[in-house]
Amino acid sequence: MPGRQDGFAALSYRGKAVAHFHNDKEIDIRLTHLVIEREGLNHLKDSTVHPSRQKRSQWIEIRFATAKEVDEIVRLMRIAIAQL
């Protein structure tokens, strides 16, 4: 990302932020609070990047380590893009 030297990587669609990586095992995806609730997603209790994120935030941090978890992130990214 321009102007950053910390390895930050963001994903955008049609000029709108959709997600960004905190590191190589964690992504923050922009979904609505209702989608987060509907999908049964929970905010990370041990988050070091957003430890005091509001429960109704439109962003959700997700950790991943397996191909199955990456497939789930791809599914959620499709939802995020569809709601823009």
PDB file of N, CA and C in Angstrom:
ATOM      1  N   MET A   1       0.848  -1.170   0.000  1.00  0.00           N
ATOM      2  CA  MET A   1       0.000   0.000   0.000  1.00  0.00           C
ATOM      3  C   MET A   1       0.895   1.234   0.000  1.00  0.00           C
ATOM      4  N   PRO A   2       0.597   2.191  -0.831  1.00  0.00           N
ATOM      5  CA  PRO A   2       1.436   3.393  -0.917  1.00  0.00           C
ATOM      6  C   PRO A   2       1.597   4.086   0.434  1.00  0.00           C
ATOM      7  N   GLY A   3       2.825   4.494   0.719  1.00  0.00           N
ATOM      8  CA  GLY A   3       3.103   5.227   1.940  1.00  0.00           C
ATOM      9  C   GLY A   3       3.333   4.376   3.172  1.00  0.00           C
ATOM     10  N   ARG A   4       3.186   3.071   3.043  1.00  0.00           N
ATOM     11  CA  ARG A   4       3.395   2.197   4.202  1.00  0.00           C
ATOM     12  C   ARG A   4       4.611   1.329   3.960  1.00  0.00           C
ATOM     13  N   GLN A   5       5.353   1.115   5.016  1.00  0.00           N
ATOM     14  CA  GLN A   5       6.563   0.302   4.928  1.00  0.00           C
ATOM     15  C   GLN A   5       6.507  -0.898   5.871  1.00  0.00           C
ATOM     16  N   ASP A   6       5.315  -1.211   6.385  1.00  0.00           N
ATOM     17  CA  ASP A   6       5.192  -2.267   7.387  1.00  0.00           C
ATOM     18  C   ASP A   6       4.636  -3.580   6.827  1.00  0.00           C
ATOM     19  N   GLY A   7       4.549  -3.697   5.506  1.00  0.00           N
ATOM     20  CA  GLY A   7       4.046  -4.925   4.902  1.00  0.00           C
ATOM     21  C   GLY A   7       2.530  -4.987   4.812  1.00  0.00           C
ATOM     22  N   PHE A   8       1.852  -3.923   5.180  1.00  0.00           N
ATOM     23  CA  PHE A   8       0.387  -3.882   5.134  1.00  0.00           C
ATOM     24  C   PHE A   8      -0.084  -4.145   3.712  1.00  0.00           C
ATOM     25  N   ALA A   9      -1.063  -5.028   3.566  1.00  0.00           N
ATOM     26  CA  ALA A   9      -1.632  -5.321   2.256  1.00  0.00           C
ATOM     27  C   ALA A   9      -3.151  -5.237   2.351  1.00  0.00           C
ATOM     28  N   ALA A  10      -3.747  -4.458   1.462  1.00  0.00           N
ATOM     29  CA  ALA A  10      -5.197  -4.281   1.464  1.00  0.00           C
ATOM     30  C   ALA A  10      -5.787  -4.759   0.143  1.00  0.00           C
ATOM     31  N   LEU A  11      -7.046  -5.152   0.209  1.00  0.00           N
ATOM     32  CA  LEU A  11      -7.792  -5.563  -0.976  1.00  0.00           C
ATOM     33  C   LEU A  11      -8.952  -4.597  -1.138  1.00  0.00           C
ATOM     34  N   SER A  12      -9.124  -4.102  -2.344  1.00  0.00           N
ATOM     35  CA  SER A  12     -10.248  -3.211  -2.600  1.00  0.00           C
ATOM     36  C   SER A  12     -10.957  -3.663  -3.875  1.00  0.00           C
ATOM     37  N   TYR A  13     -12.200  -3.255  -3.995  1.00  0.00           N
ATOM     38  CA  TYR A  13     -13.012  -3.568  -5.159  1.00  0.00           C
ATOM     39  C   TYR A  13     -13.753  -2.303  -5.543  1.00  0.00           C
ATOM     40  N   ARG A  14     -13.561  -1.872  -6.765  1.00  0.00           N
ATOM     41  CA  ARG A  14     -14.179  -0.643  -7.272  1.00  0.00           C
ATOM     42  C   ARG A  14     -13.896   0.544  -6.352  1.00  0.00           C
ATOM     43  N   GLY A  15     -12.669   0.582  -5.858  1.00  0.00           N
ATOM     44  CA  GLY A  15     -12.232   1.707  -5.040  1.00  0.00           C
ATOM     45  C   GLY A  15     -12.649   1.671  -3.583  1.00  0.00           C
ATOM     46  N   LYS A  16     -13.269   0.591  -3.156  1.00  0.00           N
ATOM     47  CA  LYS A  16     -13.709   0.487  -1.767  1.00  0.00           C
ATOM     48  C   LYS A  16     -12.948  -0.627  -1.054  1.00  0.00           C
ATOM     49  N   ALA A  17     -12.521  -0.341   0.173  1.00  0.00           N
ATOM     50  CA  ALA A  17     -11.791  -1.331   0.963  1.00  0.00           C
ATOM     51  C   ALA A  17     -12.701  -2.508   1.300  1.00  0.00           C
ATOM     52  N   VAL A  18     -12.186  -3.712   1.042  1.00  0.00           N
ATOM     53  CA  VAL A  18     -12.942  -4.930   1.328  1.00  0.00           C
ATOM     54  C   VAL A  18     -12.260  -5.725   2.441  1.00  0.00           C
ATOM     55  N   ALA A  19     -10.931  -5.722   2.438  1.00  0.00           N
ATOM     56  CA  ALA A  19     -10.204  -6.518   3.431  1.00  0.00           C
ATOM     57  C   ALA A  19      -8.763  -6.033   3.498  1.00  0.00           C
ATOM     58  N   HIS A  20      -8.097  -6.424   4.569  1.00  0.00           N
ATOM     59  CA  HIS A  20      -6.662  -6.187   4.674  1.00  0.00           C
ATOM     60  C   HIS A  20      -6.059  -7.274   5.556  1.00  0.00           C
ATOM     61  N   PHE A  21      -4.820  -7.573   5.267  1.00  0.00           N
ATOM     62  CA  PHE A  21      -4.104  -8.592   6.035  1.00  0.00           C
ATOM     63  C   PHE A  21      -3.374  -7.923   7.189  1.00  0.00           C
ATOM     64  N   HIS A  22      -3.431  -8.560   8.340  1.00  0.00           N
ATOM     65  CA  HIS A  22      -2.640  -8.110   9.487  1.00  0.00           C
ATOM     66  C   HIS A  22      -1.272  -8.775   9.461  1.00  0.00           C
ATOM     67  N   ASN A  23      -1.251  -9.993   8.958  1.00  0.00           N
ATOM     68  CA  ASN A  23      -0.023 -10.775   8.810  1.00  0.00           C
ATOM     69  C   ASN A  23      -0.341 -11.909   7.852  1.00  0.00           C
ATOM     70  N   ASP A  24       0.528 -12.898   7.754  1.00  0.00           N
ATOM     71  CA  ASP A  24       0.289 -13.972   6.787  1.00  0.00           C
ATOM     72  C   ASP A  24      -0.652 -15.059   7.295  1.00  0.00           C
ATOM     73  N   LYS A  25      -1.273 -14.848   8.442  1.00  0.00           N
ATOM     74  CA  LYS A  25      -2.223 -15.814   9.001  1.00  0.00           C
ATOM     75  C   LYS A  25      -3.519 -15.172   9.480  1.00  0.00           C
ATOM     76  N   GLU A  26      -3.711 -13.883   9.170  1.00  0.00           N
ATOM     77  CA  GLU A  26      -4.896 -13.182   9.670  1.00  0.00           C
ATOM     78  C   GLU A  26      -5.340 -12.113   8.686  1.00  0.00           C
ATOM     79  N   ILE A  27      -6.638 -12.105   8.425  1.00  0.00           N
ATOM     80  CA  ILE A  27      -7.231 -11.122   7.528  1.00  0.00           C
ATOM     81  C   ILE A  27      -8.403 -10.447   8.230  1.00  0.00           C
ATOM     82  N   ASP A  28      -8.622  -9.202   7.910  1.00  0.00           N
ATOM     83  CA  ASP A  28      -9.747  -8.426   8.422  1.00  0.00           C
ATOM     84  C   ASP A  28     -10.663  -8.182   7.226  1.00  0.00           C
ATOM     85  N   ILE A  29     -11.897  -8.671   7.283  1.00  0.00           N
ATOM     86  CA  ILE A  29     -12.834  -8.560   6.163  1.00  0.00           C
ATOM     87  C   ILE A  29     -13.971  -7.627   6.549  1.00  0.00           C
ATOM     88  N   ARG A  30     -14.324  -6.758   5.621  1.00  0.00           N
ATOM     89  CA  ARG A  30     -15.413  -5.802   5.841  1.00  0.00           C
ATOM     90  C   ARG A  30     -16.739  -6.441   5.439  1.00  0.00           C
ATOM     91  N   LEU A  31     -17.490  -6.815   6.437  1.00  0.00           N
ATOM     92  CA  LEU A  31     -18.843  -7.345   6.256  1.00  0.00           C
ATOM     93  C   LEU A  31     -19.778  -6.467   7.090  1.00  0.00           C
ATOM     94  N   THR A  32     -21.051  -6.587   6.919  1.00  0.00           N
ATOM     95  CA  THR A  32     -21.955  -5.849   7.794  1.00  0.00           C
ATOM     96  C   THR A  32     -22.102  -6.617   9.106  1.00  0.00           C
ATOM     97  N   HIS A  33     -22.542  -5.899  10.134  1.00  0.00           N
ATOM     98  CA  HIS A  33     -22.785  -6.559  11.416  1.00  0.00           C
ATOM     99  C   HIS A  33     -23.792  -7.698  11.245  1.00  0.00           C
ATOM    100  N   LEU A  34     -24.809  -7.469  10.412  1.00  0.00           N
ATOM    101  CA  LEU A  34     -25.833  -8.495  10.204  1.00  0.00           C
ATOM    102  C   LEU A  34     -25.257  -9.740   9.540  1.00  0.00           C
ATOM    103  N   VAL A  35     -24.355  -9.562   8.588  1.00  0.00           N
ATOM    104  CA  VAL A  35     -23.725 -10.720   7.934  1.00  0.00           C
ATOM    105  C   VAL A  35     -22.838 -11.460   8.940  1.00  0.00           C
ATOM    106  N   ILE A  36     -22.079 -10.716   9.718  1.00  0.00           N
ATOM    107  CA  ILE A  36     -21.217 -11.337  10.736  1.00  0.00           C
ATOM    108  C   ILE A  36     -22.062 -12.173  11.690  1.00  0.00           C
ATOM    109  N   GLU A  37     -23.179 -11.613  12.110  1.00  0.00           N
ATOM    110  CA  GLU A  37     -24.088 -12.332  13.019  1.00  0.00           C
ATOM    111  C   GLU A  37     -24.697 -13.543  12.327  1.00  0.00           C
ATOM    112  N   ARG A  38     -25.202 -13.364  11.110  1.00  0.00           N
ATOM    113  CA  ARG A  38     -25.836 -14.456  10.360  1.00  0.00           C
ATOM    114  C   ARG A  38     -24.879 -15.616  10.132  1.00  0.00           C
ATOM    115  N   GLU A  39     -23.617 -15.296   9.853  1.00  0.00           N
ATOM    116  CA  GLU A  39     -22.614 -16.323   9.585  1.00  0.00           C
ATOM    117  C   GLU A  39     -22.053 -16.951  10.857  1.00  0.00           C
ATOM    118  N   GLY A  40     -22.456 -16.435  12.018  1.00  0.00           N
ATOM    119  CA  GLY A  40     -21.989 -16.985  13.280  1.00  0.00           C
ATOM    120  C   GLY A  40     -20.518 -16.702  13.561  1.00  0.00           C
ATOM    121  N   LEU A  41     -20.020 -15.587  13.016  1.00  0.00           N
ATOM    122  CA  LEU A  41     -18.617 -15.230  13.205  1.00  0.00           C
ATOM    123  C   LEU A  41     -18.438 -14.486  14.523  1.00  0.00           C
ATOM    124  N   ASN A  42     -17.311 -14.697  15.165  1.00  0.00           N
ATOM    125  CA  ASN A  42     -17.026 -14.041  16.441  1.00  0.00           C
ATOM    126  C   ASN A  42     -15.728 -13.266  16.350  1.00  0.00           C
ATOM    127  N   HIS A  43     -15.716 -12.110  16.997  1.00  0.00           N
ATOM    128  CA  HIS A  43     -14.504 -11.303  17.046  1.00  0.00           C
ATOM    129  C   HIS A  43     -13.462 -12.032  17.894  1.00  0.00           C
ATOM    130  N   LEU A  44     -12.217 -11.954  17.469  1.00  0.00           N
ATOM    131  CA  LEU A  44     -11.136 -12.633  18.181  1.00  0.00           C
ATOM    132  C   LEU A  44     -10.944 -12.019  19.565  1.00  0.00           C
ATOM    133  N   LYS A  45     -11.060 -12.844  20.578  1.00  0.00           N
ATOM    134  CA  LYS A  45     -10.888 -12.367  21.951  1.00  0.00           C
ATOM    135  C   LYS A  45      -9.439 -12.002  22.246  1.00  0.00           C
ATOM    136  N   ASP A  46      -8.521 -12.634  21.540  1.00  0.00           N
ATOM    137  CA  ASP A  46      -7.093 -12.380  21.775  1.00  0.00           C
ATOM    138  C   ASP A  46      -6.456 -11.539  20.671  1.00  0.00           C
ATOM    139  N   SER A  47      -7.270 -10.721  20.019  1.00  0.00           N
ATOM    140  CA  SER A  47      -6.762  -9.862  18.948  1.00  0.00           C
ATOM    141  C   SER A  47      -5.703  -8.909  19.480  1.00  0.00           C
ATOM    142  N   THR A  48      -4.603  -8.843  18.765  1.00  0.00           N
ATOM    143  CA  THR A  48      -3.564  -7.887  19.132  1.00  0.00           C
ATOM    144  C   THR A  48      -3.662  -6.618  18.290  1.00  0.00           C
ATOM    145  N   VAL A  49      -4.354  -6.690  17.162  1.00  0.00           N
ATOM    146  CA  VAL A  49      -4.476  -5.547  16.263  1.00  0.00           C
ATOM    147  C   VAL A  49      -5.703  -4.693  16.614  1.00  0.00           C
ATOM    148  N   HIS A  50      -6.820  -5.350  16.929  1.00  0.00           N
ATOM    149  CA  HIS A  50      -8.063  -4.646  17.271  1.00  0.00           C
ATOM    150  C   HIS A  50      -8.649  -5.222  18.567  1.00  0.00           C
ATOM    151  N   PRO A  51      -7.939  -5.100  19.684  1.00  0.00           N
ATOM    152  CA  PRO A  51      -8.404  -5.730  20.924  1.00  0.00           C
ATOM    153  C   PRO A  51      -9.694  -5.133  21.488  1.00  0.00           C
ATOM    154  N   SER A  52     -10.027  -3.913  21.137  1.00  0.00           N
ATOM    155  CA  SER A  52     -11.246  -3.316  21.689  1.00  0.00           C
ATOM    156  C   SER A  52     -12.256  -2.970  20.594  1.00  0.00           C
ATOM    157  N   ARG A  53     -12.271  -3.781  19.567  1.00  0.00           N
ATOM    158  CA  ARG A  53     -13.220  -3.563  18.474  1.00  0.00           C
ATOM    159  C   ARG A  53     -14.648  -3.708  18.993  1.00  0.00           C
ATOM    160  N   GLN A  54     -15.508  -2.821  18.542  1.00  0.00           N
ATOM    161  CA  GLN A  54     -16.900  -2.862  18.978  1.00  0.00           C
ATOM    162  C   GLN A  54     -17.599  -4.102  18.443  1.00  0.00           C
ATOM    163  N   LYS A  55     -18.477  -4.635  19.245  1.00  0.00           N
ATOM    164  CA  LYS A  55     -19.199  -5.862  18.895  1.00  0.00           C
ATOM    165  C   LYS A  55     -19.994  -5.711  17.600  1.00  0.00           C
ATOM    166  N   ARG A  56     -20.470  -4.518  17.318  1.00  0.00           N
ATOM    167  CA  ARG A  56     -21.286  -4.285  16.121  1.00  0.00           C
ATOM    168  C   ARG A  56     -20.470  -3.759  14.942  1.00  0.00           C
ATOM    169  N   SER A  57     -19.168  -3.906  14.993  1.00  0.00           N
ATOM    170  CA  SER A  57     -18.307  -3.455  13.907  1.00  0.00           C
ATOM    171  C   SER A  57     -18.648  -4.179  12.608  1.00  0.00           C
ATOM    172  N   GLN A  58     -18.423  -3.505  11.490  1.00  0.00           N
ATOM    173  CA  GLN A  58     -18.638  -4.131  10.180  1.00  0.00           C
ATOM    174  C   GLN A  58     -17.423  -4.932   9.729  1.00  0.00           C
ATOM    175  N   TRP A  59     -16.361  -4.919  10.513  1.00  0.00           N
ATOM    176  CA  TRP A  59     -15.131  -5.650  10.203  1.00  0.00           C
ATOM    177  C   TRP A  59     -14.999  -6.862  11.121  1.00  0.00           C
ATOM    178  N   ILE A  60     -14.452  -7.951  10.566  1.00  0.00           N
ATOM    179  CA  ILE A  60     -14.231  -9.159  11.348  1.00  0.00           C
ATOM    180  C   ILE A  60     -12.838  -9.711  11.041  1.00  0.00           C
ATOM    181  N   GLU A  61     -12.084  -9.989  12.086  1.00  0.00           N
ATOM    182  CA  GLU A  61     -10.753 -10.589  11.930  1.00  0.00           C
ATOM    183  C   GLU A  61     -10.913 -12.104  11.860  1.00  0.00           C
ATOM    184  N   ILE A  62     -10.210 -12.709  10.931  1.00  0.00           N
ATOM    185  CA  ILE A  62     -10.269 -14.161  10.782  1.00  0.00           C
ATOM    186  C   ILE A  62      -8.850 -14.690  10.630  1.00  0.00           C
ATOM    187  N   ARG A  63      -8.537 -15.687  11.422  1.00  0.00           N
ATOM    188  CA  ARG A  63      -7.235 -16.358  11.296  1.00  0.00           C
ATOM    189  C   ARG A  63      -7.407 -17.570  10.397  1.00  0.00           C
ATOM    190  N   PHE A  64      -6.335 -17.888   9.691  1.00  0.00           N
ATOM    191  CA  PHE A  64      -6.391 -19.036   8.786  1.00  0.00           C
ATOM    192  C   PHE A  64      -5.052 -19.748   8.754  1.00  0.00           C
ATOM    193  N   ALA A  65      -5.126 -21.067   8.588  1.00  0.00           N
ATOM    194  CA  ALA A  65      -3.907 -21.877   8.506  1.00  0.00           C
ATOM    195  C   ALA A  65      -4.059 -23.036   7.533  1.00  0.00           C
ATOM    196  N   THR A  66      -5.287 -23.379   7.181  1.00  0.00           N
ATOM    197  CA  THR A  66      -5.520 -24.536   6.317  1.00  0.00           C
ATOM    198  C   THR A  66      -6.200 -24.119   5.017  1.00  0.00           C
ATOM    199  N   ALA A  67      -6.145 -24.994   4.047  1.00  0.00           N
ATOM    200  CA  ALA A  67      -6.805 -24.718   2.755  1.00  0.00           C
ATOM    201  C   ALA A  67      -8.307 -24.556   2.953  1.00  0.00           C
ATOM    202  N   LYS A  68      -8.893 -25.329   3.840  1.00  0.00           N
ATOM    203  CA  LYS A  68     -10.329 -25.220   4.115  1.00  0.00           C
ATOM    204  C   LYS A  68     -10.664 -23.839   4.683  1.00  0.00           C
ATOM    205  N   GLU A  69      -9.827 -23.330   5.561  1.00  0.00           N
ATOM    206  CA  GLU A  69     -10.044 -21.995   6.124  1.00  0.00           C
ATOM    207  C   GLU A  69      -9.887 -20.913   5.057  1.00  0.00           C
ATOM    208  N   VAL A  70      -8.962 -21.094   4.137  1.00  0.00           N
ATOM    209  CA  VAL A  70      -8.797 -20.145   3.036  1.00  0.00           C
ATOM    210  C   VAL A  70     -10.033 -20.181   2.136  1.00  0.00           C
ATOM    211  N   ASP A  71     -10.578 -21.371   1.888  1.00  0.00           N
ATOM    212  CA  ASP A  71     -11.810 -21.479   1.101  1.00  0.00           C
ATOM    213  C   ASP A  71     -12.949 -20.706   1.762  1.00  0.00           C
ATOM    214  N   GLU A  72     -13.024 -20.751   3.078  1.00  0.00           N
ATOM    215  CA  GLU A  72     -14.058 -20.015   3.803  1.00  0.00           C
ATOM    216  C   GLU A  72     -13.847 -18.509   3.662  1.00  0.00           C
ATOM    217  N   ILE A  73     -12.612 -18.067   3.696  1.00  0.00           N
ATOM    218  CA  ILE A  73     -12.316 -16.653   3.507  1.00  0.00           C
ATOM    219  C   ILE A  73     -12.722 -16.211   2.107  1.00  0.00           C
ATOM    220  N   VAL A  74     -12.473 -17.025   1.114  1.00  0.00           N
ATOM    221  CA  VAL A  74     -12.882 -16.702  -0.260  1.00  0.00           C
ATOM    222  C   VAL A  74     -14.402 -16.557  -0.322  1.00  0.00           C
ATOM    223  N   ARG A  75     -15.117 -17.451   0.324  1.00  0.00           N
ATOM    224  CA  ARG A  75     -16.587 -17.367   0.357  1.00  0.00           C
ATOM    225  C   ARG A  75     -17.036 -16.055   1.010  1.00  0.00           C
ATOM    226  N   LEU A  76     -16.418 -15.707   2.136  1.00  0.00           N
ATOM    227  CA  LEU A  76     -16.770 -14.461   2.825  1.00  0.00           C
ATOM    228  C   LEU A  76     -16.393 -13.234   1.998  1.00  0.00           C
ATOM    229  N   MET A  77     -15.287 -13.315   1.277  1.00  0.00           N
ATOM    230  CA  MET A  77     -14.890 -12.202   0.415  1.00  0.00           C
ATOM    231  C   MET A  77     -15.917 -11.987  -0.690  1.00  0.00           C
ATOM    232  N   ARG A  78     -16.463 -13.054  -1.210  1.00  0.00           N
ATOM    233  CA  ARG A  78     -17.517 -12.919  -2.235  1.00  0.00           C
ATOM    234  C   ARG A  78     -18.735 -12.207  -1.669  1.00  0.00           C
ATOM    235  N   ILE A  79     -19.081 -12.523  -0.432  1.00  0.00           N
ATOM    236  CA  ILE A  79     -20.196 -11.843   0.226  1.00  0.00           C
ATOM    237  C   ILE A  79     -19.862 -10.369   0.405  1.00  0.00           C
ATOM    238  N   ALA A  80     -18.635 -10.084   0.854  1.00  0.00           N
ATOM    239  CA  ALA A  80     -18.221  -8.702   1.084  1.00  0.00           C
ATOM    240  C   ALA A  80     -18.291  -7.886  -0.205  1.00  0.00           C
ATOM    241  N   ILE A  81     -17.829  -8.456  -1.295  1.00  0.00           N
ATOM    242  CA  ILE A  81     -17.836  -7.752  -2.584  1.00  0.00           C
ATOM    243  C   ILE A  81     -19.267  -7.570  -3.075  1.00  0.00           C
ATOM    244  N   ALA A  82     -20.114  -8.565  -2.896  1.00  0.00           N
ATOM    245  CA  ALA A  82     -21.492  -8.486  -3.373  1.00  0.00           C
ATOM    246  C   ALA A  82     -22.290  -7.387  -2.679  1.00  0.00           C
ATOM    247  N   GLN A  83     -21.907  -7.038  -1.466  1.00  0.00           N
ATOM    248  CA  GLN A  83     -22.682  -6.019  -0.748  1.00  0.00           C
ATOM    249  C   GLN A  83     -22.194  -4.596  -0.988  1.00  0.00           C
ATOM    250  N   LEU A  84     -21.153  -4.440  -1.817  1.00  0.00           N
ATOM    251  CA  LEU A  84     -20.670  -3.086  -2.119  1.00  0.00           C
ATOM    252  C   LEU A  84     -21.586  -2.405  -3.133  1.00  0.00           C
TER     253      LEU A  84
END
